[in-house]
Amino acid sequence: MRAFVVATFVAAVSLLPLAAMAENAQPAPAATAQPAAASDENRLICRRIVHQGTLGRTECHTARQWNSIREYNQRMIQETQQRGLTRNPH
């Protein structure tokens, strides 16, 4: 559980500069509008993060960043589970 929390924190912190750049970016002119799929990836999504025993906080990332965080966390969980299967518990 501790590794998951650390991995989530590291992923969130590593993506913070991307969020800052996204906020500073100039909007695209109307003549060169992006396709719907690209704009869906760039929309801002805010989620309330609550851990047991802590106060909740809100994190805002783009859909692309949330997907990246989710994939990273899935990869870390899978690697942790695989390590557990290969170790001798005694």
PDB file of N, CA and C in Angstrom:
ATOM      1  N   MET A   1       0.831  -1.187   0.000  1.00  0.00           N
ATOM      2  CA  MET A   1       0.000   0.000   0.000  1.00  0.00           C
ATOM      3  C   MET A   1       0.874   1.248   0.000  1.00  0.00           C
ATOM      4  N   ARG A   2       1.944   1.212   0.804  1.00  0.00           N
ATOM      5  CA  ARG A   2       2.833   2.364   0.877  1.00  0.00           C
ATOM      6  C   ARG A   2       3.492   2.626  -0.479  1.00  0.00           C
ATOM      7  N   ALA A   3       3.880   1.544  -1.171  1.00  0.00           N
ATOM      8  CA  ALA A   3       4.502   1.709  -2.490  1.00  0.00           C
ATOM      9  C   ALA A   3       3.520   2.338  -3.471  1.00  0.00           C
ATOM     10  N   PHE A   4       2.252   1.968  -3.379  1.00  0.00           N
ATOM     11  CA  PHE A   4       1.245   2.533  -4.267  1.00  0.00           C
ATOM     12  C   PHE A   4       1.091   4.027  -4.021  1.00  0.00           C
ATOM     13  N   VAL A   5       1.059   4.423  -2.761  1.00  0.00           N
ATOM     14  CA  VAL A   5       0.914   5.841  -2.427  1.00  0.00           C
ATOM     15  C   VAL A   5       2.131   6.614  -2.920  1.00  0.00           C
ATOM     16  N   VAL A   6       3.318   6.043  -2.720  1.00  0.00           N
ATOM     17  CA  VAL A   6       4.535   6.714  -3.175  1.00  0.00           C
ATOM     18  C   VAL A   6       4.541   6.818  -4.692  1.00  0.00           C
ATOM     19  N   ALA A   7       4.156   5.745  -5.373  1.00  0.00           N
ATOM     20  CA  ALA A   7       4.129   5.763  -6.834  1.00  0.00           C
ATOM     21  C   ALA A   7       3.125   6.791  -7.353  1.00  0.00           C
ATOM     22  N   THR A   8       1.968   6.887  -6.720  1.00  0.00           N
ATOM     23  CA  THR A   8       0.969   7.870  -7.123  1.00  0.00           C
ATOM     24  C   THR A   8       1.488   9.282  -6.915  1.00  0.00           C
ATOM     25  N   PHE A   9       2.138   9.512  -5.779  1.00  0.00           N
ATOM     26  CA  PHE A   9       2.686  10.829  -5.499  1.00  0.00           C
ATOM     27  C   PHE A   9       3.769  11.201  -6.507  1.00  0.00           C
ATOM     28  N   VAL A  10       4.668  10.272  -6.807  1.00  0.00           N
ATOM     29  CA  VAL A  10       5.743  10.530  -7.769  1.00  0.00           C
ATOM     30  C   VAL A  10       5.160  10.833  -9.139  1.00  0.00           C
ATOM     31  N   ALA A  11       4.146  10.085  -9.538  1.00  0.00           N
ATOM     32  CA  ALA A  11       3.527  10.325 -10.844  1.00  0.00           C
ATOM     33  C   ALA A  11       2.866  11.694 -10.884  1.00  0.00           C
ATOM     34  N   ALA A  12       2.169  12.046  -9.819  1.00  0.00           N
ATOM     35  CA  ALA A  12       1.490  13.338  -9.780  1.00  0.00           C
ATOM     36  C   ALA A  12       2.486  14.483  -9.802  1.00  0.00           C
ATOM     37  N   VAL A  13       3.561  14.357  -9.037  1.00  0.00           N
ATOM     38  CA  VAL A  13       4.567  15.422  -8.986  1.00  0.00           C
ATOM     39  C   VAL A  13       5.290  15.548 -10.316  1.00  0.00           C
ATOM     40  N   SER A  14       5.552  14.416 -10.976  1.00  0.00           N
ATOM     41  CA  SER A  14       6.260  14.480 -12.248  1.00  0.00           C
ATOM     42  C   SER A  14       5.409  15.101 -13.347  1.00  0.00           C
ATOM     43  N   LEU A  15       4.087  15.079 -13.207  1.00  0.00           N
ATOM     44  CA  LEU A  15       3.207  15.644 -14.224  1.00  0.00           C
ATOM     45  C   LEU A  15       2.810  17.089 -13.939  1.00  0.00           C
ATOM     46  N   LEU A  16       3.193  17.625 -12.789  1.00  0.00           N
ATOM     47  CA  LEU A  16       2.840  19.009 -12.463  1.00  0.00           C
ATOM     48  C   LEU A  16       3.389  20.024 -13.477  1.00  0.00           C
ATOM     49  N   PRO A  17       4.636  19.891 -13.947  1.00  0.00           N
ATOM     50  CA  PRO A  17       5.099  20.855 -14.951  1.00  0.00           C
ATOM     51  C   PRO A  17       4.258  20.836 -16.223  1.00  0.00           C
ATOM     52  N   LEU A  18       3.738  19.660 -16.581  1.00  0.00           N
ATOM     53  CA  LEU A  18       2.877  19.588 -17.766  1.00  0.00           C
ATOM     54  C   LEU A  18       1.588  20.366 -17.554  1.00  0.00           C
ATOM     55  N   ALA A  19       1.054  20.292 -16.350  1.00  0.00           N
ATOM     56  CA  ALA A  19      -0.170  21.034 -16.055  1.00  0.00           C
ATOM     57  C   ALA A  19       0.092  22.535 -16.108  1.00  0.00           C
ATOM     58  N   ALA A  20       1.251  22.965 -15.621  1.00  0.00           N
ATOM     59  CA  ALA A  20       1.587  24.390 -15.658  1.00  0.00           C
ATOM     60  C   ALA A  20       1.726  24.869 -17.096  1.00  0.00           C
ATOM     61  N   MET A  21       2.343  24.048 -17.940  1.00  0.00           N
ATOM     62  CA  MET A  21       2.488  24.427 -19.346  1.00  0.00           C
ATOM     63  C   MET A  21       1.127  24.483 -20.027  1.00  0.00           C
ATOM     64  N   ALA A  22       0.226  23.571 -19.668  1.00  0.00           N
ATOM     65  CA  ALA A  22      -1.096  23.560 -20.285  1.00  0.00           C
ATOM     66  C   ALA A  22      -1.884  24.806 -19.912  1.00  0.00           C
ATOM     67  N   GLU A  23      -1.701  25.292 -18.693  1.00  0.00           N
ATOM     68  CA  GLU A  23      -2.407  26.500 -18.280  1.00  0.00           C
ATOM     69  C   GLU A  23      -1.870  27.739 -18.993  1.00  0.00           C
ATOM     70  N   ASN A  24      -0.585  27.754 -19.323  1.00  0.00           N
ATOM     71  CA  ASN A  24       0.031  28.909 -19.963  1.00  0.00           C
ATOM     72  C   ASN A  24      -0.127  28.897 -21.481  1.00  0.00           C
ATOM     73  N   ALA A  25      -0.574  27.797 -22.038  1.00  0.00           N
ATOM     74  CA  ALA A  25      -0.695  27.682 -23.487  1.00  0.00           C
ATOM     75  C   ALA A  25      -1.791  28.609 -23.998  1.00  0.00           C
ATOM     76  N   GLN A  26      -1.547  29.186 -25.172  1.00  0.00           N
ATOM     77  CA  GLN A  26      -2.527  30.043 -25.818  1.00  0.00           C
ATOM     78  C   GLN A  26      -3.572  29.181 -26.511  1.00  0.00           C
ATOM     79  N   PRO A  27      -4.837  29.567 -26.495  1.00  0.00           N
ATOM     80  CA  PRO A  27      -5.856  28.772 -27.179  1.00  0.00           C
ATOM     81  C   PRO A  27      -5.644  28.810 -28.689  1.00  0.00           C
ATOM     82  N   ALA A  28      -6.008  27.736 -29.361  1.00  0.00           N
ATOM     83  CA  ALA A  28      -5.857  27.644 -30.805  1.00  0.00           C
ATOM     84  C   ALA A  28      -6.861  28.573 -31.482  1.00  0.00           C
ATOM     85  N   PRO A  29      -6.462  29.194 -32.591  1.00  0.00           N
ATOM     86  CA  PRO A  29      -7.410  30.040 -33.322  1.00  0.00           C
ATOM     87  C   PRO A  29      -8.581  29.206 -33.838  1.00  0.00           C
ATOM     88  N   ALA A  30      -9.727  29.863 -34.017  1.00  0.00           N
ATOM     89  CA  ALA A  30     -10.940  29.162 -34.445  1.00  0.00           C
ATOM     90  C   ALA A  30     -10.779  28.564 -35.838  1.00  0.00           C
ATOM     91  N   ALA A  31      -9.968  29.179 -36.703  1.00  0.00           N
ATOM     92  CA  ALA A  31      -9.799  28.687 -38.068  1.00  0.00           C
ATOM     93  C   ALA A  31      -9.076  27.344 -38.085  1.00  0.00           C
ATOM     94  N   THR A  32      -8.218  27.092 -37.108  1.00  0.00           N
ATOM     95  CA  THR A  32      -7.479  25.833 -37.059  1.00  0.00           C
ATOM     96  C   THR A  32      -7.974  25.009 -35.870  1.00  0.00           C
ATOM     97  N   ALA A  33      -9.264  24.814 -35.791  1.00  0.00           N
ATOM     98  CA  ALA A  33      -9.853  24.066 -34.680  1.00  0.00           C
ATOM     99  C   ALA A  33      -9.361  22.627 -34.699  1.00  0.00           C
ATOM    100  N   GLN A  34      -9.128  22.080 -33.511  1.00  0.00           N
ATOM    101  CA  GLN A  34      -8.649  20.713 -33.396  1.00  0.00           C
ATOM    102  C   GLN A  34      -9.820  19.753 -33.530  1.00  0.00           C
ATOM    103  N   PRO A  35      -9.535  18.536 -33.964  1.00  0.00           N
ATOM    104  CA  PRO A  35     -10.609  17.543 -34.021  1.00  0.00           C
ATOM    105  C   PRO A  35     -11.138  17.246 -32.623  1.00  0.00           C
ATOM    106  N   ALA A  36     -12.336  16.681 -32.544  1.00  0.00           N
ATOM    107  CA  ALA A  36     -12.983  16.424 -31.254  1.00  0.00           C
ATOM    108  C   ALA A  36     -12.144  15.495 -30.382  1.00  0.00           C
ATOM    109  N   ALA A  37     -11.505  14.486 -30.966  1.00  0.00           N
ATOM    110  CA  ALA A  37     -10.718  13.533 -30.173  1.00  0.00           C
ATOM    111  C   ALA A  37      -9.546  14.232 -29.492  1.00  0.00           C
ATOM    112  N   ALA A  38      -8.883  15.144 -30.197  1.00  0.00           N
ATOM    113  CA  ALA A  38      -7.743  15.847 -29.614  1.00  0.00           C
ATOM    114  C   ALA A  38      -8.199  16.784 -28.504  1.00  0.00           C
ATOM    115  N   SER A  39      -9.329  17.453 -28.683  1.00  0.00           N
ATOM    116  CA  SER A  39      -9.797  18.372 -27.653  1.00  0.00           C
ATOM    117  C   SER A  39     -10.270  17.610 -26.415  1.00  0.00           C
ATOM    118  N   ASP A  40     -10.775  16.378 -26.592  1.00  0.00           N
ATOM    119  CA  ASP A  40     -11.165  15.563 -25.442  1.00  0.00           C
ATOM    120  C   ASP A  40      -9.957  15.222 -24.586  1.00  0.00           C
ATOM    121  N   GLU A  41      -8.811  14.975 -25.202  1.00  0.00           N
ATOM    122  CA  GLU A  41      -7.598  14.657 -24.457  1.00  0.00           C
ATOM    123  C   GLU A  41      -7.068  15.861 -23.695  1.00  0.00           C
ATOM    124  N   ASN A  42      -7.369  17.058 -24.151  1.00  0.00           N
ATOM    125  CA  ASN A  42      -6.831  18.264 -23.537  1.00  0.00           C
ATOM    126  C   ASN A  42      -7.793  18.930 -22.552  1.00  0.00           C
ATOM    127  N   ARG A  43      -8.977  18.360 -22.369  1.00  0.00           N
ATOM    128  CA  ARG A  43      -9.908  18.984 -21.428  1.00  0.00           C
ATOM    129  C   ARG A  43      -9.433  18.731 -20.001  1.00  0.00           C
ATOM    130  N   LEU A  44      -9.687  19.679 -19.149  1.00  0.00           N
ATOM    131  CA  LEU A  44      -9.249  19.620 -17.765  1.00  0.00           C
ATOM    132  C   LEU A  44     -10.275  18.864 -16.929  1.00  0.00           C
ATOM    133  N   ILE A  45      -9.797  17.886 -16.161  1.00  0.00           N
ATOM    134  CA  ILE A  45     -10.654  17.076 -15.299  1.00  0.00           C
ATOM    135  C   ILE A  45     -10.133  17.202 -13.878  1.00  0.00           C
ATOM    136  N   CYS A  46     -11.010  17.582 -12.958  1.00  0.00           N
ATOM    137  CA  CYS A  46     -10.641  17.699 -11.543  1.00  0.00           C
ATOM    138  C   CYS A  46     -11.276  16.548 -10.779  1.00  0.00           C
ATOM    139  N   ARG A  47     -10.455  15.910  -9.946  1.00  0.00           N
ATOM    140  CA  ARG A  47     -10.937  14.793  -9.139  1.00  0.00           C
ATOM    141  C   ARG A  47     -10.566  15.029  -7.681  1.00  0.00           C
ATOM    142  N   ARG A  48     -11.447  14.600  -6.818  1.00  0.00           N
ATOM    143  CA  ARG A  48     -11.189  14.709  -5.380  1.00  0.00           C
ATOM    144  C   ARG A  48     -10.422  13.466  -4.940  1.00  0.00           C
ATOM    145  N   ILE A  49      -9.258  13.664  -4.343  1.00  0.00           N
ATOM    146  CA  ILE A  49      -8.393  12.580  -3.897  1.00  0.00           C
ATOM    147  C   ILE A  49      -8.513  12.476  -2.378  1.00  0.00           C
ATOM    148  N   VAL A  50      -8.905  11.307  -1.899  1.00  0.00           N
ATOM    149  CA  VAL A  50      -9.069  11.094  -0.465  1.00  0.00           C
ATOM    150  C   VAL A  50      -8.307   9.827  -0.091  1.00  0.00           C
ATOM    151  N   HIS A  51      -7.396   9.949   0.861  1.00  0.00           N
ATOM    152  CA  HIS A  51      -6.678   8.802   1.401  1.00  0.00           C
ATOM    153  C   HIS A  51      -7.158   8.595   2.829  1.00  0.00           C
ATOM    154  N   GLN A  52      -7.154   7.375   3.268  1.00  0.00           N
ATOM    155  CA  GLN A  52      -7.626   7.053   4.606  1.00  0.00           C
ATOM    156  C   GLN A  52      -6.809   7.808   5.650  1.00  0.00           C
ATOM    157  N   GLY A  53      -7.497   8.527   6.522  1.00  0.00           N
ATOM    158  CA  GLY A  53      -6.839   9.243   7.598  1.00  0.00           C
ATOM    159  C   GLY A  53      -6.308  10.609   7.218  1.00  0.00           C
ATOM    160  N   THR A  54      -6.604  11.086   6.012  1.00  0.00           N
ATOM    161  CA  THR A  54      -6.135  12.408   5.595  1.00  0.00           C
ATOM    162  C   THR A  54      -7.311  13.235   5.101  1.00  0.00           C
ATOM    163  N   LEU A  55      -7.091  14.519   5.015  1.00  0.00           N
ATOM    164  CA  LEU A  55      -8.093  15.395   4.422  1.00  0.00           C
ATOM    165  C   LEU A  55      -8.045  15.235   2.913  1.00  0.00           C
ATOM    166  N   GLY A  56      -9.189  15.381   2.282  1.00  0.00           N
ATOM    167  CA  GLY A  56      -9.242  15.264   0.835  1.00  0.00           C
ATOM    168  C   GLY A  56      -8.670  16.489   0.160  1.00  0.00           C
ATOM    169  N   ARG A  57      -8.223  16.309  -1.058  1.00  0.00           N
ATOM    170  CA  ARG A  57      -7.724  17.427  -1.856  1.00  0.00           C
ATOM    171  C   ARG A  57      -8.200  17.219  -3.294  1.00  0.00           C
ATOM    172  N   THR A  58      -8.159  18.253  -4.064  1.00  0.00           N
ATOM    173  CA  THR A  58      -8.580  18.179  -5.455  1.00  0.00           C
ATOM    174  C   THR A  58      -7.371  18.295  -6.355  1.00  0.00           C
ATOM    175  N   GLU A  59      -7.254  17.387  -7.304  1.00  0.00           N
ATOM    176  CA  GLU A  59      -6.191  17.432  -8.300  1.00  0.00           C
ATOM    177  C   GLU A  59      -6.831  17.620  -9.664  1.00  0.00           C
ATOM    178  N   CYS A  60      -6.264  18.525 -10.442  1.00  0.00           N
ATOM    179  CA  CYS A  60      -6.760  18.781 -11.791  1.00  0.00           C
ATOM    180  C   CYS A  60      -5.665  18.455 -12.799  1.00  0.00           C
ATOM    181  N   HIS A  61      -6.006  17.626 -13.762  1.00  0.00           N
ATOM    182  CA  HIS A  61      -5.094  17.264 -14.846  1.00  0.00           C
ATOM    183  C   HIS A  61      -5.929  17.148 -16.115  1.00  0.00           C
ATOM    184  N   THR A  62      -5.249  17.110 -17.244  1.00  0.00           N
ATOM    185  CA  THR A  62      -5.954  16.858 -18.497  1.00  0.00           C
ATOM    186  C   THR A  62      -6.275  15.383 -18.575  1.00  0.00           C
ATOM    187  N   ALA A  63      -7.178  15.029 -19.485  1.00  0.00           N
ATOM    188  CA  ALA A  63      -7.553  13.623 -19.667  1.00  0.00           C
ATOM    189  C   ALA A  63      -6.324  12.801 -20.037  1.00  0.00           C
ATOM    190  N   ARG A  64      -5.447  13.352 -20.849  1.00  0.00           N
ATOM    191  CA  ARG A  64      -4.225  12.651 -21.251  1.00  0.00           C
ATOM    192  C   ARG A  64      -3.333  12.390 -20.031  1.00  0.00           C
ATOM    193  N   GLN A  65      -3.212  13.367 -19.131  1.00  0.00           N
ATOM    194  CA  GLN A  65      -2.391  13.196 -17.939  1.00  0.00           C
ATOM    195  C   GLN A  65      -3.004  12.158 -17.000  1.00  0.00           C
ATOM    196  N   TRP A  66      -4.338  12.178 -16.844  1.00  0.00           N
ATOM    197  CA  TRP A  66      -4.984  11.166 -16.000  1.00  0.00           C
ATOM    198  C   TRP A  66      -4.742   9.776 -16.564  1.00  0.00           C
ATOM    199  N   ASN A  67      -4.801   9.625 -17.880  1.00  0.00           N
ATOM    200  CA  ASN A  67      -4.525   8.326 -18.503  1.00  0.00           C
ATOM    201  C   ASN A  67      -3.090   7.898 -18.238  1.00  0.00           C
ATOM    202  N   SER A  68      -2.166   8.839 -18.329  1.00  0.00           N
ATOM    203  CA  SER A  68      -0.761   8.543 -18.073  1.00  0.00           C
ATOM    204  C   SER A  68      -0.553   8.107 -16.625  1.00  0.00           C
ATOM    205  N   ILE A  69      -1.179   8.797 -15.686  1.00  0.00           N
ATOM    206  CA  ILE A  69      -1.080   8.437 -14.263  1.00  0.00           C
ATOM    207  C   ILE A  69      -1.671   7.045 -14.035  1.00  0.00           C
ATOM    208  N   ARG A  70      -2.825   6.776 -14.635  1.00  0.00           N
ATOM    209  CA  ARG A  70      -3.479   5.477 -14.474  1.00  0.00           C
ATOM    210  C   ARG A  70      -2.601   4.356 -15.023  1.00  0.00           C
ATOM    211  N   GLU A  71      -2.034   4.547 -16.224  1.00  0.00           N
ATOM    212  CA  GLU A  71      -1.173   3.526 -16.820  1.00  0.00           C
ATOM    213  C   GLU A  71       0.077   3.291 -15.973  1.00  0.00           C
ATOM    214  N   TYR A  72       0.666   4.361 -15.462  1.00  0.00           N
ATOM    215  CA  TYR A  72       1.852   4.241 -14.615  1.00  0.00           C
ATOM    216  C   TYR A  72       1.521   3.450 -13.349  1.00  0.00           C
ATOM    217  N   ASN A  73       0.406   3.778 -12.705  1.00  0.00           N
ATOM    218  CA  ASN A  73       0.017   3.079 -11.484  1.00  0.00           C
ATOM    219  C   ASN A  73      -0.277   1.601 -11.758  1.00  0.00           C
ATOM    220  N   GLN A  74      -0.917   1.310 -12.875  1.00  0.00           N
ATOM    221  CA  GLN A  74      -1.191  -0.079 -13.230  1.00  0.00           C
ATOM    222  C   GLN A  74       0.113  -0.846 -13.432  1.00  0.00           C
ATOM    223  N   ARG A  75       1.075  -0.203 -14.097  1.00  0.00           N
ATOM    224  CA  ARG A  75       2.371  -0.826 -14.337  1.00  0.00           C
ATOM    225  C   ARG A  75       3.100  -1.102 -13.022  1.00  0.00           C
ATOM    226  N   MET A  76       3.057  -0.128 -12.088  1.00  0.00           N
ATOM    227  CA  MET A  76       3.716  -0.305 -10.789  1.00  0.00           C
ATOM    228  C   MET A  76       3.055  -1.424  -9.980  1.00  0.00           C
ATOM    229  N   ILE A  77       1.736  -1.508  -9.999  1.00  0.00           N
ATOM    230  CA  ILE A  77       1.030  -2.567  -9.280  1.00  0.00           C
ATOM    231  C   ILE A  77       1.372  -3.932  -9.870  1.00  0.00           C
ATOM    232  N   GLN A  78       1.382  -4.005 -11.191  1.00  0.00           N
ATOM    233  CA  GLN A  78       1.700  -5.275 -11.847  1.00  0.00           C
ATOM    234  C   GLN A  78       3.134  -5.707 -11.525  1.00  0.00           C
ATOM    235  N   GLU A  79       4.088  -4.785 -11.550  1.00  0.00           N
ATOM    236  CA  GLU A  79       5.473  -5.115 -11.227  1.00  0.00           C
ATOM    237  C   GLU A  79       5.600  -5.562  -9.775  1.00  0.00           C
ATOM    238  N   THR A  80       4.890  -4.893  -8.861  1.00  0.00           N
ATOM    239  CA  THR A  80       4.928  -5.266  -7.450  1.00  0.00           C
ATOM    240  C   THR A  80       4.347  -6.663  -7.255  1.00  0.00           C
ATOM    241  N   GLN A  81       3.247  -6.964  -7.932  1.00  0.00           N
ATOM    242  CA  GLN A  81       2.640  -8.286  -7.813  1.00  0.00           C
ATOM    243  C   GLN A  81       3.565  -9.356  -8.385  1.00  0.00           C
ATOM    244  N   GLN A  82       4.217  -9.056  -9.494  1.00  0.00           N
ATOM    245  CA  GLN A  82       5.136 -10.027 -10.094  1.00  0.00           C
ATOM    246  C   GLN A  82       6.330 -10.282  -9.177  1.00  0.00           C
ATOM    247  N   ARG A  83       6.849  -9.233  -8.542  1.00  0.00           N
ATOM    248  CA  ARG A  83       7.955  -9.416  -7.598  1.00  0.00           C
ATOM    249  C   ARG A  83       7.526 -10.288  -6.433  1.00  0.00           C
ATOM    250  N   GLY A  84       6.292 -10.105  -5.968  1.00  0.00           N
ATOM    251  CA  GLY A  84       5.795 -10.917  -4.867  1.00  0.00           C
ATOM    252  C   GLY A  84       5.685 -12.384  -5.232  1.00  0.00           C
ATOM    253  N   LEU A  85       5.406 -12.671  -6.497  1.00  0.00           N
ATOM    254  CA  LEU A  85       5.281 -14.063  -6.928  1.00  0.00           C
ATOM    255  C   LEU A  85       6.642 -14.732  -7.082  1.00  0.00           C
ATOM    256  N   THR A  86       7.681 -13.965  -7.322  1.00  0.00           N
ATOM    257  CA  THR A  86       8.993 -14.555  -7.573  1.00  0.00           C
ATOM    258  C   THR A  86       9.850 -14.668  -6.318  1.00  0.00           C
ATOM    259  N   ARG A  87       9.462 -14.039  -5.222  1.00  0.00           N
ATOM    260  CA  ARG A  87      10.236 -14.093  -3.983  1.00  0.00           C
ATOM    261  C   ARG A  87       9.824 -15.289  -3.145  1.00  0.00           C
ATOM    262  N   ASN A  88      10.780 -15.768  -2.390  1.00  0.00           N
ATOM    263  CA  ASN A  88      10.513 -16.849  -1.442  1.00  0.00           C
ATOM    264  C   ASN A  88      10.085 -16.224  -0.126  1.00  0.00           C
ATOM    265  N   PRO A  89       8.860 -16.483   0.353  1.00  0.00           N
ATOM    266  CA  PRO A  89       8.389 -15.810   1.567  1.00  0.00           C
ATOM    267  C   PRO A  89       9.085 -16.277   2.833  1.00  0.00           C
ATOM    268  N   HIS A  90       9.836 -17.379   2.798  1.00  0.00           N
ATOM    269  CA  HIS A  90      10.478 -17.895   4.019  1.00  0.00           C
ATOM    270  C   HIS A  90      11.968 -17.899   3.883  1.00  0.00           C
TER     271      HIS A  90
END
